[in-house]
Amino acid sequence: MTTSTLIEAVLRRDRAIVLAGLAAVTLLAWAYTLAGVGMEHGAGMGGLAEGAGRAMLEPMPWTLGYAAVMLAMWWVMMIAMMVPGAAPMVLLFAAVNRKQREAGNPYVPTGVFLSGYLAIWGAFSVLATAAQWGLEAAGFAPMMTGTSATLGGAILIAAGLYQVTPVKQACLRHCRGPIMFLTQHWRPGWAGAWRMGLAHGAYCLGCCWILMALLFVGGIMNVLWIAGLALYVLFEKLVPAGHWLAYASGAALTFWGVAMVLGAWP
C-alpha cells in the first residue's frame, strides 16, 4: 500500500478516529475524577489527583499551588461531564471539515475546534475554583457536604428558575442543533475553528453553568452527584424532548430549593 493510499484510508475512517479520541479523552477525565473521589486520602494516586483526593478529608490552606490543584480538578471534571454531550457537534464539525478538505480547502484538525470548546470550560473552572475558595473561607465544606441548607436551597431555586428562562432555552437550542450552529457560525481555517469552538463552548456554558453550580449543593467530590448531573446534561442535550426536560427539572429544582430553605427537606 502506497503512502497516499494509506493516508486516504485513514481519512475515510476519520469519524471513527474522532469518536475514539473523544471516548479516550472522556474516559481519562472520568478516571482522574473518580480516582480523586474514590480513594481515601488519595492513596495510590499521583500528582494532581492525589492532591484532590487529600482535599476530601483533610482541609488544606489555600495557596497558589493548592488553587492550581483545585483548578485542574475542576477542569478535568468539566471535561468528563461535558464532552459526551458535545460529541455530536464535534463529529459534525469533523464531517464538514472533511468535505471542505475534499474540495481543496486547507485541512483543520478537529482538535482545534475541541480545544476552543474546552477553553471555555477552563475559564469556568477558574471561576468555580474562586467560588470554592470563597465558600471555604466562609466556613462551608463544599468538597464533601456541600453548602448550608439556606445557601444550598438558594442555589437550587436559582437553578430551577434559570432552567425556564429564554437565555437557557436559546443556548440549549444551539447545543441541540449542531447543523444550525455550524450553518450560522462556520469560519474557515484554524483561527475560524478555534472561534467556532469558543462560540459553541459559550452556548454550552450558557446552557449548563448553573447546573454545574449544583455541585456546591451535593458536594464537589460526591461521585453520585457528579454522575447524576453528567447524565442529566447528556439527556437534556440529546433526547428528543430535551427542552421539555429543562422545564420539568426547573420546576423540580425550584420546589426542592424552597423546601430546603424552609427546612422541610434535608
Protein backbone atom coordinates (compact mmCIF):
# COMPACT_ATOMS: atom_id res chain seq x y z
CA MET A 1 0.00 0.00 0.00
CA THR A 2 1.46 3.39 -1.01
CA THR A 3 1.70 6.28 1.41
CA SER A 4 -1.02 8.24 -0.39
CA THR A 5 -3.36 5.24 -0.34
CA LEU A 6 -2.71 4.73 3.36
CA ILE A 7 -3.47 8.38 4.10
CA GLU A 8 -6.71 8.19 2.12
CA ALA A 9 -7.75 5.09 4.04
CA VAL A 10 -7.11 6.86 7.35
CA LEU A 11 -9.06 9.91 6.25
CA ARG A 12 -12.04 7.76 5.30
CA ARG A 13 -12.10 6.49 8.84
CA ASP A 14 -11.87 9.94 10.41
CA ARG A 15 -15.28 9.65 12.04
CA ALA A 16 -14.18 6.54 13.91
CA ILE A 17 -10.87 8.21 14.78
CA VAL A 18 -12.58 11.34 16.14
CA LEU A 19 -15.10 9.26 18.09
CA ALA A 20 -12.30 7.14 19.56
CA GLY A 21 -10.41 10.29 20.51
CA LEU A 22 -13.45 11.77 22.25
CA ALA A 23 -14.02 8.49 24.09
CA ALA A 24 -10.38 8.41 25.21
CA VAL A 25 -10.50 12.00 26.47
CA THR A 26 -13.74 11.34 28.33
CA LEU A 27 -12.58 8.08 29.88
CA LEU A 28 -9.28 9.58 31.03
CA ALA A 29 -11.11 12.54 32.56
CA TRP A 30 -13.55 10.25 34.36
CA ALA A 31 -10.69 8.03 35.57
CA TYR A 32 -8.97 11.09 37.06
CA THR A 33 -12.20 12.37 38.61
CA LEU A 34 -13.17 9.02 40.13
CA ALA A 35 -9.64 8.44 41.41
CA GLY A 36 -9.81 11.73 43.28
CA VAL A 37 -13.26 10.89 44.65
CA GLY A 38 -12.94 7.23 45.42
CA MET A 39 -9.60 6.76 47.13
CA GLU A 40 -9.27 7.83 50.74
CA HIS A 41 -6.60 10.49 51.20
CA GLY A 42 -5.57 9.95 47.60
CA ALA A 43 -3.68 6.77 48.46
CA GLY A 44 -2.05 5.22 45.45
CA MET A 45 -2.68 8.21 43.22
CA GLY A 46 -0.08 10.50 41.80
CA GLY A 47 0.30 14.19 41.11
CA LEU A 48 -2.76 16.39 40.96
CA ALA A 49 -5.25 13.58 41.60
CA GLU A 50 -3.54 12.86 44.91
CA GLY A 51 -3.94 16.48 45.97
CA ALA A 52 -7.61 16.46 45.06
CA GLY A 53 -8.13 13.21 46.96
CA ARG A 54 -6.48 14.52 50.10
CA ALA A 55 -8.65 17.63 49.99
CA MET A 56 -11.73 15.46 50.56
CA LEU A 57 -10.87 14.55 54.14
CA GLU A 58 -8.04 16.92 55.01
CA PRO A 59 -8.94 20.60 54.51
CA MET A 60 -5.83 22.41 53.35
CA PRO A 61 -4.88 26.09 53.46
CA TRP A 62 -5.39 27.88 50.18
CA THR A 63 -2.13 28.69 48.45
CA LEU A 64 -1.44 29.30 44.77
CA GLY A 65 -0.24 25.70 44.46
CA TYR A 66 -3.36 24.31 46.09
CA ALA A 67 -5.53 26.59 43.95
CA ALA A 68 -3.79 25.16 40.86
CA VAL A 69 -4.63 21.63 42.04
CA MET A 70 -8.27 22.58 42.54
CA LEU A 71 -8.37 24.32 39.16
CA ALA A 72 -7.05 21.18 37.48
CA MET A 73 -9.65 19.10 39.34
CA TRP A 74 -12.48 21.37 38.20
CA TRP A 75 -11.32 21.50 34.59
CA VAL A 76 -10.87 17.74 34.27
CA MET A 77 -14.25 17.19 35.91
CA MET A 78 -15.87 19.58 33.42
CA ILE A 79 -14.23 17.69 30.55
CA ALA A 80 -15.59 14.40 31.90
CA MET A 81 -19.10 15.82 32.28
CA MET A 82 -19.40 17.99 29.16
CA VAL A 83 -17.51 16.28 26.31
CA PRO A 84 -20.07 13.46 25.84
CA GLY A 85 -22.84 15.99 25.20
CA ALA A 86 -20.62 17.88 22.75
CA ALA A 87 -19.76 14.74 20.75
CA PRO A 88 -22.46 15.23 18.04
CA MET A 89 -21.20 18.77 17.37
CA VAL A 90 -17.56 17.66 17.22
CA LEU A 91 -18.38 14.74 14.90
CA LEU A 92 -20.38 17.01 12.59
CA PHE A 93 -17.53 19.52 12.51
CA ALA A 94 -15.17 16.70 11.52
CA ALA A 95 -17.54 15.59 8.73
CA VAL A 96 -17.96 19.11 7.34
CA ASN A 97 -14.24 19.71 7.60
CA ARG A 98 -13.63 16.52 5.61
CA LYS A 99 -15.89 17.83 2.84
CA GLN A 100 -14.00 21.12 2.92
CA ARG A 101 -10.73 19.22 2.60
CA GLU A 102 -12.03 17.17 -0.31
CA ALA A 103 -12.98 20.43 -2.03
CA GLY A 104 -9.36 21.56 -1.82
CA ASN A 105 -9.63 23.83 1.21
CA PRO A 106 -6.96 23.72 3.95
CA TYR A 107 -7.25 20.91 6.47
CA VAL A 108 -8.07 21.91 10.07
CA PRO A 109 -7.66 19.28 12.82
CA THR A 110 -10.83 18.64 14.78
CA GLY A 111 -8.79 19.10 17.95
CA VAL A 112 -8.58 22.82 17.20
CA PHE A 113 -12.36 23.11 17.47
CA LEU A 114 -12.43 20.94 20.59
CA SER A 115 -9.66 22.94 22.26
CA GLY A 116 -11.67 26.13 21.83
CA TYR A 117 -14.67 24.42 23.41
CA LEU A 118 -12.60 23.17 26.35
CA ALA A 119 -11.03 26.62 26.83
CA ILE A 120 -14.45 27.99 27.74
CA TRP A 121 -14.86 25.34 30.43
CA GLY A 122 -11.34 26.12 31.59
CA ALA A 123 -12.43 29.72 32.15
CA PHE A 124 -15.49 28.46 34.04
CA SER A 125 -13.20 26.29 36.16
CA VAL A 126 -11.24 29.37 37.20
CA LEU A 127 -14.46 30.98 38.46
CA ALA A 128 -15.57 27.74 40.14
CA THR A 129 -12.23 27.46 41.93
CA ALA A 130 -12.56 31.04 43.15
CA ALA A 131 -16.10 30.30 44.38
CA GLN A 132 -14.89 27.21 46.22
CA TRP A 133 -12.10 29.23 47.82
CA GLY A 134 -14.61 31.82 48.95
CA LEU A 135 -17.02 29.25 50.37
CA GLU A 136 -14.30 27.51 52.33
CA ALA A 137 -13.07 30.84 53.65
CA ALA A 138 -16.64 31.48 54.83
CA GLY A 139 -16.68 28.21 56.77
CA PHE A 140 -18.51 25.92 54.33
CA ALA A 141 -17.24 22.50 53.21
CA PRO A 142 -18.32 22.20 49.57
CA MET A 143 -15.88 19.36 48.82
CA MET A 144 -17.76 16.76 50.86
CA THR A 145 -21.07 18.00 52.27
CA GLY A 146 -21.93 20.98 50.13
CA THR A 147 -23.12 24.30 51.48
CA SER A 148 -25.61 25.17 54.21
CA ALA A 149 -29.30 24.39 53.76
CA THR A 150 -30.09 28.05 53.17
CA LEU A 151 -27.36 28.63 50.60
CA GLY A 152 -27.93 25.23 49.01
CA GLY A 153 -31.65 25.95 48.74
CA ALA A 154 -30.93 29.34 47.20
CA ILE A 155 -28.69 27.72 44.56
CA LEU A 156 -31.39 25.16 43.79
CA ILE A 157 -34.02 27.87 43.40
CA ALA A 158 -31.72 29.91 41.16
CA ALA A 159 -31.02 26.83 39.05
CA GLY A 160 -34.70 25.99 38.79
CA LEU A 161 -35.67 29.49 37.71
CA TYR A 162 -32.81 29.72 35.21
CA GLN A 163 -33.90 26.46 33.57
CA VAL A 164 -37.05 28.12 32.22
CA THR A 165 -35.52 31.44 31.10
CA PRO A 166 -35.29 32.39 27.40
CA VAL A 167 -31.48 32.55 27.71
CA LYS A 168 -31.31 28.95 28.88
CA GLN A 169 -33.66 27.75 26.15
CA ALA A 170 -31.81 29.67 23.42
CA CYS A 171 -28.45 28.22 24.48
CA LEU A 172 -29.97 24.75 24.72
CA ARG A 173 -31.31 25.02 21.15
CA HIS A 174 -27.82 25.77 19.87
CA CYS A 175 -26.41 22.82 21.82
CA ARG A 176 -29.14 20.53 20.50
CA GLY A 177 -28.84 21.78 16.89
CA PRO A 178 -25.35 21.11 15.51
CA ILE A 179 -26.42 21.76 11.92
CA MET A 180 -27.98 25.10 12.82
CA PHE A 181 -24.88 26.10 14.77
CA LEU A 182 -22.41 25.24 12.00
CA THR A 183 -24.59 26.93 9.38
CA GLN A 184 -24.65 30.15 11.37
CA HIS A 185 -21.11 30.14 12.75
CA TRP A 186 -18.87 28.41 10.20
CA ARG A 187 -15.48 30.07 9.85
CA PRO A 188 -12.61 28.81 7.66
CA GLY A 189 -9.11 27.99 8.81
CA TRP A 190 -7.53 27.23 12.15
CA ALA A 191 -8.49 30.56 13.70
CA GLY A 192 -12.05 30.08 12.49
CA ALA A 193 -12.23 26.59 14.01
CA TRP A 194 -10.92 27.93 17.32
CA ARG A 195 -13.50 30.72 17.30
CA MET A 196 -16.25 28.22 16.49
CA GLY A 197 -15.14 26.06 19.41
CA LEU A 198 -15.24 29.10 21.66
CA ALA A 199 -18.71 30.01 20.41
CA HIS A 200 -20.08 26.52 20.95
CA GLY A 201 -18.46 26.40 24.38
CA ALA A 202 -20.08 29.74 25.23
CA TYR A 203 -23.52 28.42 24.29
CA CYS A 204 -22.86 25.25 26.27
CA LEU A 205 -21.75 27.31 29.25
CA GLY A 206 -24.87 29.45 28.98
CA CYS A 207 -26.92 26.27 28.98
CA CYS A 208 -25.23 24.42 31.84
CA TRP A 209 -23.31 26.77 34.15
CA ILE A 210 -25.99 26.82 36.82
CA LEU A 211 -26.27 23.03 36.69
CA MET A 212 -22.53 22.81 37.39
CA ALA A 213 -23.07 25.19 40.32
CA LEU A 214 -25.26 22.45 41.82
CA LEU A 215 -22.01 20.66 42.67
CA PHE A 216 -21.78 23.10 45.58
CA VAL A 217 -25.09 21.71 46.85
CA GLY A 218 -24.41 17.98 46.75
CA GLY A 219 -20.66 18.10 47.32
CA ILE A 220 -17.96 18.71 44.74
CA MET A 221 -16.44 15.26 45.27
CA ASN A 222 -19.73 13.36 45.62
CA VAL A 223 -19.42 10.75 42.89
CA LEU A 224 -23.15 10.01 42.65
CA TRP A 225 -23.94 13.71 42.40
CA ILE A 226 -21.31 14.21 39.71
CA ALA A 227 -22.55 11.22 37.70
CA GLY A 228 -26.18 12.25 38.07
CA LEU A 229 -25.53 15.78 36.83
CA ALA A 230 -23.46 14.45 33.93
CA LEU A 231 -26.24 12.09 32.86
CA TYR A 232 -28.84 14.84 33.15
CA VAL A 233 -26.81 17.21 30.97
CA LEU A 234 -26.37 14.43 28.40
CA PHE A 235 -30.11 13.67 28.33
CA GLU A 236 -31.05 17.34 28.12
CA LYS A 237 -28.88 17.78 25.02
CA LEU A 238 -29.54 14.50 23.22
CA VAL A 239 -33.03 13.15 23.94
CA PRO A 240 -35.81 14.33 21.59
CA ALA A 241 -37.75 16.18 24.30
CA GLY A 242 -34.73 17.72 25.99
CA HIS A 243 -36.20 21.22 26.06
CA TRP A 244 -39.22 19.94 27.97
CA LEU A 245 -36.87 18.12 30.32
CA ALA A 246 -35.34 21.51 31.13
CA TYR A 247 -38.76 22.90 32.07
CA ALA A 248 -39.59 19.87 34.22
CA SER A 249 -36.26 19.96 36.02
CA GLY A 250 -36.69 23.68 36.58
CA ALA A 251 -39.93 23.09 38.45
CA ALA A 252 -38.44 20.22 40.45
CA LEU A 253 -35.31 22.17 41.42
CA THR A 254 -37.34 25.20 42.48
CA PHE A 255 -39.63 23.06 44.66
CA TRP A 256 -36.62 21.29 46.18
CA GLY A 257 -34.89 24.58 46.90
CA VAL A 258 -37.92 26.13 48.58
CA ALA A 259 -38.37 23.02 50.71
CA MET A 260 -34.72 23.09 51.73
CA VAL A 261 -34.83 26.77 52.69
CA LEU A 262 -37.98 26.19 54.77
CA GLY A 263 -36.37 23.21 56.48
CA ALA A 264 -38.83 20.68 55.04
CA TRP A 265 -36.08 18.84 53.13
CA PRO A 266 -32.73 17.64 54.49
